[in-house]
N, C-alpha and C. Protein backbone atom coordinates (compact mmCIF):
# COMPACT_ATOMS: atom_id res chain seq x y z
N MET A 1 -11.42 -2.92 1.06
CA MET A 1 -11.91 -3.34 2.64
C MET A 1 -10.65 -2.74 3.32
N ASP A 2 -11.06 -3.02 4.73
CA ASP A 2 -9.65 -2.02 5.70
C ASP A 2 -9.24 -3.42 5.86
N ILE A 3 -7.88 -3.00 6.53
CA ILE A 3 -6.79 -3.84 6.76
C ILE A 3 -6.74 -5.25 7.24
N GLU A 4 -8.04 -4.77 8.35
CA GLU A 4 -8.05 -6.06 9.30
C GLU A 4 -8.90 -6.91 8.59
N ALA A 5 -10.02 -6.67 7.70
CA ALA A 5 -10.82 -7.37 7.25
C ALA A 5 -9.99 -8.76 6.00
N PHE A 6 -9.00 -7.43 5.57
CA PHE A 6 -8.17 -7.96 4.57
C PHE A 6 -7.63 -9.29 5.24
N TYR A 7 -6.85 -9.15 6.52
CA TYR A 7 -6.10 -10.11 7.11
C TYR A 7 -7.16 -11.21 7.64
N GLU A 8 -8.13 -10.91 7.96
CA GLU A 8 -9.43 -11.79 8.30
C GLU A 8 -9.49 -12.99 7.08
N GLN A 9 -9.75 -12.12 6.20
CA GLN A 9 -10.62 -13.89 4.77
C GLN A 9 -9.49 -14.51 4.70
N ASN A 10 -8.34 -14.34 5.28
CA ASN A 10 -7.02 -15.15 4.59
C ASN A 10 -5.82 -15.27 5.79
N GLU A 11 -5.71 -16.20 6.90
CA GLU A 11 -4.72 -16.03 7.90
C GLU A 11 -3.69 -16.50 7.58
N ALA A 12 -3.31 -17.12 5.92
CA ALA A 12 -2.18 -17.35 5.79
C ALA A 12 -1.46 -15.71 5.37
N ARG A 13 -2.03 -14.68 5.16
CA ARG A 13 -1.77 -13.23 4.99
C ARG A 13 -1.27 -13.13 6.02
N ARG A 14 -1.92 -13.17 7.64
CA ARG A 14 -1.57 -12.55 8.98
C ARG A 14 -0.02 -13.18 9.24
N GLU A 15 -0.09 -14.58 8.99
CA GLU A 15 1.30 -15.32 9.12
C GLU A 15 2.36 -14.83 8.19
N SER A 16 2.28 -14.58 6.90
CA SER A 16 3.17 -14.58 6.10
C SER A 16 4.05 -13.34 5.87
N ALA A 17 5.45 -13.55 4.96
CA ALA A 17 6.12 -12.68 5.32
C ALA A 17 5.71 -11.42 4.32
N GLU A 18 5.89 -10.29 4.52
CA GLU A 18 5.45 -9.34 3.75
C GLU A 18 6.88 -8.53 3.18
N TYR A 19 6.57 -7.77 2.08
CA TYR A 19 7.69 -7.24 1.24
C TYR A 19 7.16 -5.66 0.99
N GLU A 20 7.39 -4.67 1.65
CA GLU A 20 7.28 -3.97 1.02
C GLU A 20 7.85 -2.99 -0.53
N PHE A 21 7.03 -2.19 -1.16
CA PHE A 21 7.64 -1.74 -2.29
C PHE A 21 7.06 0.05 -2.60
N GLY A 22 7.69 0.53 -1.43
CA GLY A 22 7.25 2.06 -1.44
C GLY A 22 6.44 2.49 -0.72
N SER A 23 5.87 3.58 -0.19
CA SER A 23 5.23 4.25 0.01
C SER A 23 4.43 5.27 0.19
N GLU A 24 5.18 5.72 -1.30
CA GLU A 24 4.79 7.13 -1.64
C GLU A 24 4.43 7.16 -2.81
N TRP A 25 3.67 6.31 -3.42
CA TRP A 25 2.77 5.84 -4.77
C TRP A 25 1.52 7.31 -4.29
N THR A 26 1.42 7.36 -5.27
CA THR A 26 0.12 8.50 -5.72
C THR A 26 -1.07 8.38 -6.58
N ASP A 27 -1.98 8.78 -6.44
CA ASP A 27 -2.92 8.62 -7.56
C ASP A 27 -2.98 10.39 -8.10
N ALA A 28 -4.02 10.42 -8.84
CA ALA A 28 -4.24 11.76 -9.67
C ALA A 28 -4.74 12.79 -8.75
N SER A 29 -5.06 12.43 -7.44
CA SER A 29 -5.73 13.37 -6.35
C SER A 29 -4.69 13.63 -5.16
N ASP A 30 -3.08 13.28 -5.59
CA ASP A 30 -1.97 13.36 -4.52
C ASP A 30 -2.63 12.20 -3.18
N ASN A 31 -3.39 11.63 -3.43
CA ASN A 31 -3.53 10.95 -1.87
C ASN A 31 -2.23 9.70 -2.48
N GLU A 32 -1.77 9.40 -1.07
CA GLU A 32 -0.51 8.72 -1.11
C GLU A 32 -0.45 6.94 -0.39
N TYR A 33 0.11 5.98 -0.96
CA TYR A 33 -0.59 4.26 -0.70
C TYR A 33 0.92 4.12 -0.67
N GLU A 34 0.72 3.04 0.32
CA GLU A 34 1.82 1.52 0.20
C GLU A 34 1.77 0.61 -0.33
N LEU A 35 2.78 0.15 -1.67
CA LEU A 35 2.38 -1.27 -2.11
C LEU A 35 3.23 -2.55 -1.15
N SER A 36 2.60 -3.56 -0.75
CA SER A 36 3.29 -4.46 -0.15
C SER A 36 2.88 -5.71 -0.86
N TRP A 37 3.60 -6.68 -1.29
CA TRP A 37 3.23 -8.19 -1.42
C TRP A 37 3.64 -9.24 -0.48
N VAL A 38 2.56 -10.29 -0.45
CA VAL A 38 2.40 -11.30 0.83
C VAL A 38 2.95 -12.37 0.04
N GLU A 39 3.79 -13.23 0.60
CA GLU A 39 4.58 -13.97 0.33
C GLU A 39 3.73 -15.32 -0.09
N ALA A 40 3.10 -15.57 0.77
CA ALA A 40 2.24 -17.08 1.29
C ALA A 40 1.12 -16.82 0.04
N THR A 41 0.68 -15.88 -0.41
CA THR A 41 -0.37 -15.97 -1.21
C THR A 41 -0.52 -15.43 -2.64
N GLY A 42 0.89 -14.62 -2.16
CA GLY A 42 1.04 -13.94 -4.14
C GLY A 42 0.58 -12.78 -4.21
N GLU A 43 0.04 -12.09 -3.06
CA GLU A 43 -1.23 -10.60 -3.56
C GLU A 43 -0.32 -9.45 -3.51
N LEU A 44 -0.51 -8.86 -4.67
CA LEU A 44 0.13 -7.61 -4.63
C LEU A 44 -0.85 -6.55 -3.84
N TYR A 45 -0.87 -6.03 -2.96
CA TYR A 45 -1.84 -4.82 -2.36
C TYR A 45 -1.52 -3.57 -2.06
N LEU A 46 -1.94 -2.26 -2.62
CA LEU A 46 -2.41 -1.08 -1.92
C LEU A 46 -2.76 -0.72 -0.56
N MET A 47 -2.10 0.06 0.04
CA MET A 47 -3.04 0.33 1.33
C MET A 47 -3.17 1.80 1.18
N VAL A 48 -4.33 2.71 1.56
CA VAL A 48 -4.24 4.25 1.42
C VAL A 48 -4.65 4.30 2.92
N GLU A 49 -4.00 4.93 3.41
CA GLU A 49 -4.29 6.25 4.83
C GLU A 49 -4.78 6.73 4.63
N PRO A 50 -5.88 7.44 5.38
CA PRO A 50 -6.52 8.92 5.31
C PRO A 50 -5.47 10.00 5.55
N GLU A 51 -5.75 11.29 5.17
CA GLU A 51 -4.76 12.44 5.85
C GLU A 51 -4.84 12.33 7.48
N ALA A 52 -3.79 12.56 7.97
CA ALA A 52 -3.46 12.03 9.37
C ALA A 52 -4.21 14.02 10.00
N VAL A 53 -4.59 13.66 10.89
CA VAL A 53 -4.93 14.61 11.96
C VAL A 53 -3.96 15.00 12.72
N VAL A 54 -3.70 16.48 12.50
CA VAL A 54 -2.60 16.88 13.37
C VAL A 54 -3.18 18.01 14.38
N ASN A 55 -3.00 17.74 15.50
CA ASN A 55 -3.89 19.04 16.91
C ASN A 55 -2.42 19.16 17.52
N GLU A 56 -2.70 20.39 18.22
CA GLU A 56 -1.61 21.06 18.98
C GLU A 56 -2.15 21.32 20.16
N ASP A 57 -1.51 20.84 21.29
CA ASP A 57 -1.51 20.88 22.31
C ASP A 57 -1.40 21.82 22.88
N MET A 58 -1.73 22.45 24.44
CA MET A 58 -1.65 23.42 25.42
C MET A 58 -0.17 23.83 25.49
N PHE A 59 0.86 23.22 24.78
CA PHE A 59 2.52 23.91 25.32
C PHE A 59 3.01 24.07 23.11
N GLY A 60 1.66 24.03 22.79
CA GLY A 60 2.35 24.40 21.64
C GLY A 60 2.94 22.79 20.05
N ASP A 61 3.13 21.76 20.90
CA ASP A 61 3.69 20.85 20.38
C ASP A 61 2.37 20.10 19.49
N PHE A 62 3.23 19.55 18.35
CA PHE A 62 1.76 19.03 17.50
C PHE A 62 1.99 17.51 17.81
N ILE A 63 0.86 16.80 17.97
CA ILE A 63 0.09 15.47 18.19
C ILE A 63 -0.66 14.96 17.13
N VAL A 64 0.20 13.93 16.14
CA VAL A 64 -0.26 13.56 15.03
C VAL A 64 -1.42 12.12 15.76
N ASP A 65 -2.80 11.92 15.93
CA ASP A 65 -3.78 10.98 15.93
C ASP A 65 -3.19 9.95 15.21
N ASP A 66 -3.54 8.45 15.72
CA ASP A 66 -3.15 7.76 15.49
C ASP A 66 -4.74 7.44 14.15
N GLU A 67 -4.37 6.52 13.27
CA GLU A 67 -6.10 6.35 12.52
C GLU A 67 -6.40 5.28 12.95
N ALA A 68 -7.52 5.16 12.97
CA ALA A 68 -8.25 3.68 13.09
C ALA A 68 -7.94 2.70 12.30
N ILE A 69 -7.93 1.37 12.65
CA ILE A 69 -7.62 0.35 11.47
C ILE A 69 -9.01 0.12 10.44
N SER A 70 -10.06 0.70 11.25
CA SER A 70 -11.12 0.73 9.46
C SER A 70 -10.50 1.69 8.44
N ASP A 71 -9.73 2.61 9.13
CA ASP A 71 -9.61 3.34 8.10
C ASP A 71 -8.49 2.97 7.22
N LEU A 72 -7.63 2.45 7.42
CA LEU A 72 -6.78 1.66 6.31
C LEU A 72 -7.39 0.64 5.41
N THR A 73 -7.77 0.83 4.16
CA THR A 73 -8.44 0.60 3.19
C THR A 73 -7.09 -0.21 2.45
N VAL A 74 -7.35 -1.32 1.71
CA VAL A 74 -6.62 -2.56 1.22
C VAL A 74 -7.53 -2.42 -0.56
N VAL A 75 -6.49 -2.61 -1.19
CA VAL A 75 -6.82 -2.96 -2.75
C VAL A 75 -5.92 -4.22 -3.21
N VAL A 76 -6.39 -5.26 -3.76
CA VAL A 76 -5.34 -6.24 -4.04
C VAL A 76 -5.33 -5.86 -5.61
N ILE A 77 -3.85 -5.43 -6.06
CA ILE A 77 -3.98 -5.01 -7.46
C ILE A 77 -3.57 -5.93 -8.27
N GLY A 78 -2.84 -7.41 -7.68
CA GLY A 78 -2.48 -8.40 -8.95
C GLY A 78 -2.07 -9.54 -7.61
N LYS A 79 -1.57 -10.90 -8.52
CA LYS A 79 -0.98 -12.01 -8.37
C LYS A 79 0.39 -12.09 -8.78
N VAL A 80 1.47 -12.67 -7.87
CA VAL A 80 2.55 -12.66 -8.60
C VAL A 80 3.43 -14.06 -8.00
N ALA A 81 3.43 -15.02 -8.70
CA ALA A 81 3.68 -16.57 -7.81
C ALA A 81 4.97 -16.33 -6.88
N SER A 82 6.30 -15.43 -7.39
CA SER A 82 7.48 -15.12 -6.70
C SER A 82 7.95 -13.72 -6.32
N LEU A 83 8.90 -13.71 -5.23
CA LEU A 83 9.33 -12.46 -5.29
C LEU A 83 10.44 -11.74 -6.15
N THR A 84 11.22 -12.85 -7.11
CA THR A 84 11.43 -12.51 -8.39
C THR A 84 11.34 -12.54 -9.15
N ALA A 85 9.84 -12.66 -9.57
CA ALA A 85 9.16 -12.67 -10.76
C ALA A 85 8.27 -11.12 -10.46
N LEU A 86 8.01 -11.02 -9.59
CA LEU A 86 7.77 -9.46 -8.92
C LEU A 86 8.72 -8.55 -9.30
N GLU A 87 9.87 -8.68 -8.50
CA GLU A 87 10.72 -7.54 -8.71
C GLU A 87 11.20 -7.67 -10.09
N ASP A 88 10.98 -8.29 -10.99
CA ASP A 88 11.37 -8.38 -12.43
C ASP A 88 10.30 -7.24 -13.00
N GLN A 89 8.75 -7.50 -12.61
CA GLN A 89 7.98 -7.16 -13.15
C GLN A 89 7.63 -5.35 -12.49
N LEU A 90 8.42 -5.30 -11.49
CA LEU A 90 8.56 -3.63 -11.00
C LEU A 90 9.98 -3.28 -11.17
N GLN A 91 10.34 -3.54 -11.98
CA GLN A 91 11.71 -2.82 -12.47
C GLN A 91 11.48 -1.25 -12.86
N GLY A 92 12.21 -0.63 -12.15
CA GLY A 92 12.58 0.83 -11.67
C GLY A 92 11.67 1.50 -10.59
N TRP A 93 10.77 0.50 -9.95
CA TRP A 93 10.09 1.59 -9.29
C TRP A 93 10.01 2.50 -8.59
N GLN A 94 11.60 2.33 -8.01
CA GLN A 94 11.62 3.49 -7.11
C GLN A 94 11.42 4.68 -7.77
N GLU A 95 12.51 4.40 -8.72
CA GLU A 95 12.06 6.29 -9.44
C GLU A 95 10.70 6.60 -10.10
N SER A 96 9.72 5.37 -10.28
CA SER A 96 8.66 5.98 -10.90
C SER A 96 7.69 6.48 -9.64
N MET A 97 7.84 5.39 -8.44
CA MET A 97 6.99 6.12 -7.55
C MET A 97 6.83 7.05 -7.03
N LEU A 98 7.82 8.01 -7.41
CA LEU A 98 7.86 9.41 -6.98
C LEU A 98 7.51 10.46 -8.22
N ASP A 99 6.93 9.79 -9.32
CA ASP A 99 6.39 10.61 -10.12
C ASP A 99 5.18 11.39 -9.38
N GLU A 100 4.51 12.25 -10.41
CA GLU A 100 3.41 12.60 -10.19
C GLU A 100 2.10 11.25 -10.74
N ASN A 101 1.19 11.16 -9.71
CA ASN A 101 0.15 9.93 -10.44
C ASN A 101 0.76 8.57 -10.80
N SER A 102 1.94 8.46 -9.60
CA SER A 102 2.67 7.23 -9.63
C SER A 102 1.73 5.71 -9.90
N LEU A 103 0.79 5.71 -9.66
CA LEU A 103 -0.21 4.09 -9.92
C LEU A 103 -0.53 3.81 -10.94
N SER A 104 -0.60 5.13 -12.36
CA SER A 104 -0.90 5.04 -13.17
C SER A 104 0.57 3.89 -13.83
N TRP A 105 1.57 3.98 -13.55
CA TRP A 105 2.80 3.10 -14.00
C TRP A 105 2.61 2.00 -13.30
N LEU A 106 2.11 1.89 -12.04
CA LEU A 106 1.67 0.34 -11.41
C LEU A 106 0.27 0.06 -11.94
N TYR A 107 -0.35 0.75 -12.67
CA TYR A 107 -1.62 0.20 -13.44
C TYR A 107 -0.94 -0.45 -14.54
N GLU A 108 -0.21 -0.34 -15.47
CA GLU A 108 0.22 -0.33 -16.68
C GLU A 108 0.93 -1.78 -16.46
N ARG A 109 1.53 -2.29 -15.28
CA ARG A 109 2.27 -3.46 -15.14
C ARG A 109 0.87 -4.73 -14.71
N PHE A 110 0.26 -4.08 -14.16
CA PHE A 110 -0.87 -4.81 -13.52
C PHE A 110 -2.21 -4.52 -14.07
N PRO A 111 -2.43 -4.57 -14.93
CA PRO A 111 -3.84 -3.82 -15.63
C PRO A 111 -5.11 -4.84 -14.79
N ALA A 112 -6.04 -4.12 -14.77
CA ALA A 112 -7.51 -5.34 -14.03
C ALA A 112 -7.47 -5.89 -14.95
N LYS A 113 -8.25 -7.18 -14.75
CA LYS A 113 -8.58 -8.21 -14.58
C LYS A 113 -10.28 -8.28 -14.99
């Protein structure tokens, strides 16, 4: 679902504090993801942004086009009751996030149910 639909489904998400756990997670195709946790719901989610479109203007400057909100895809990968429990479960994430296909490390800790 897109990020706006994610927040519309549960207003507690929109009003909650969120904690980011890196924005350089990658899959086997080298797509990049951002990992965040919503305090009010306990949801841990990945958001993938499409590749940025870069254009050059008539002066030779590069302009990065803003992506549409509908292009920001969100997938909830787990629920964790507290920030402390999540930090325990994600011990070592900063180093692991930089590995090739780092989502595999993440999915070992949060297997699909």
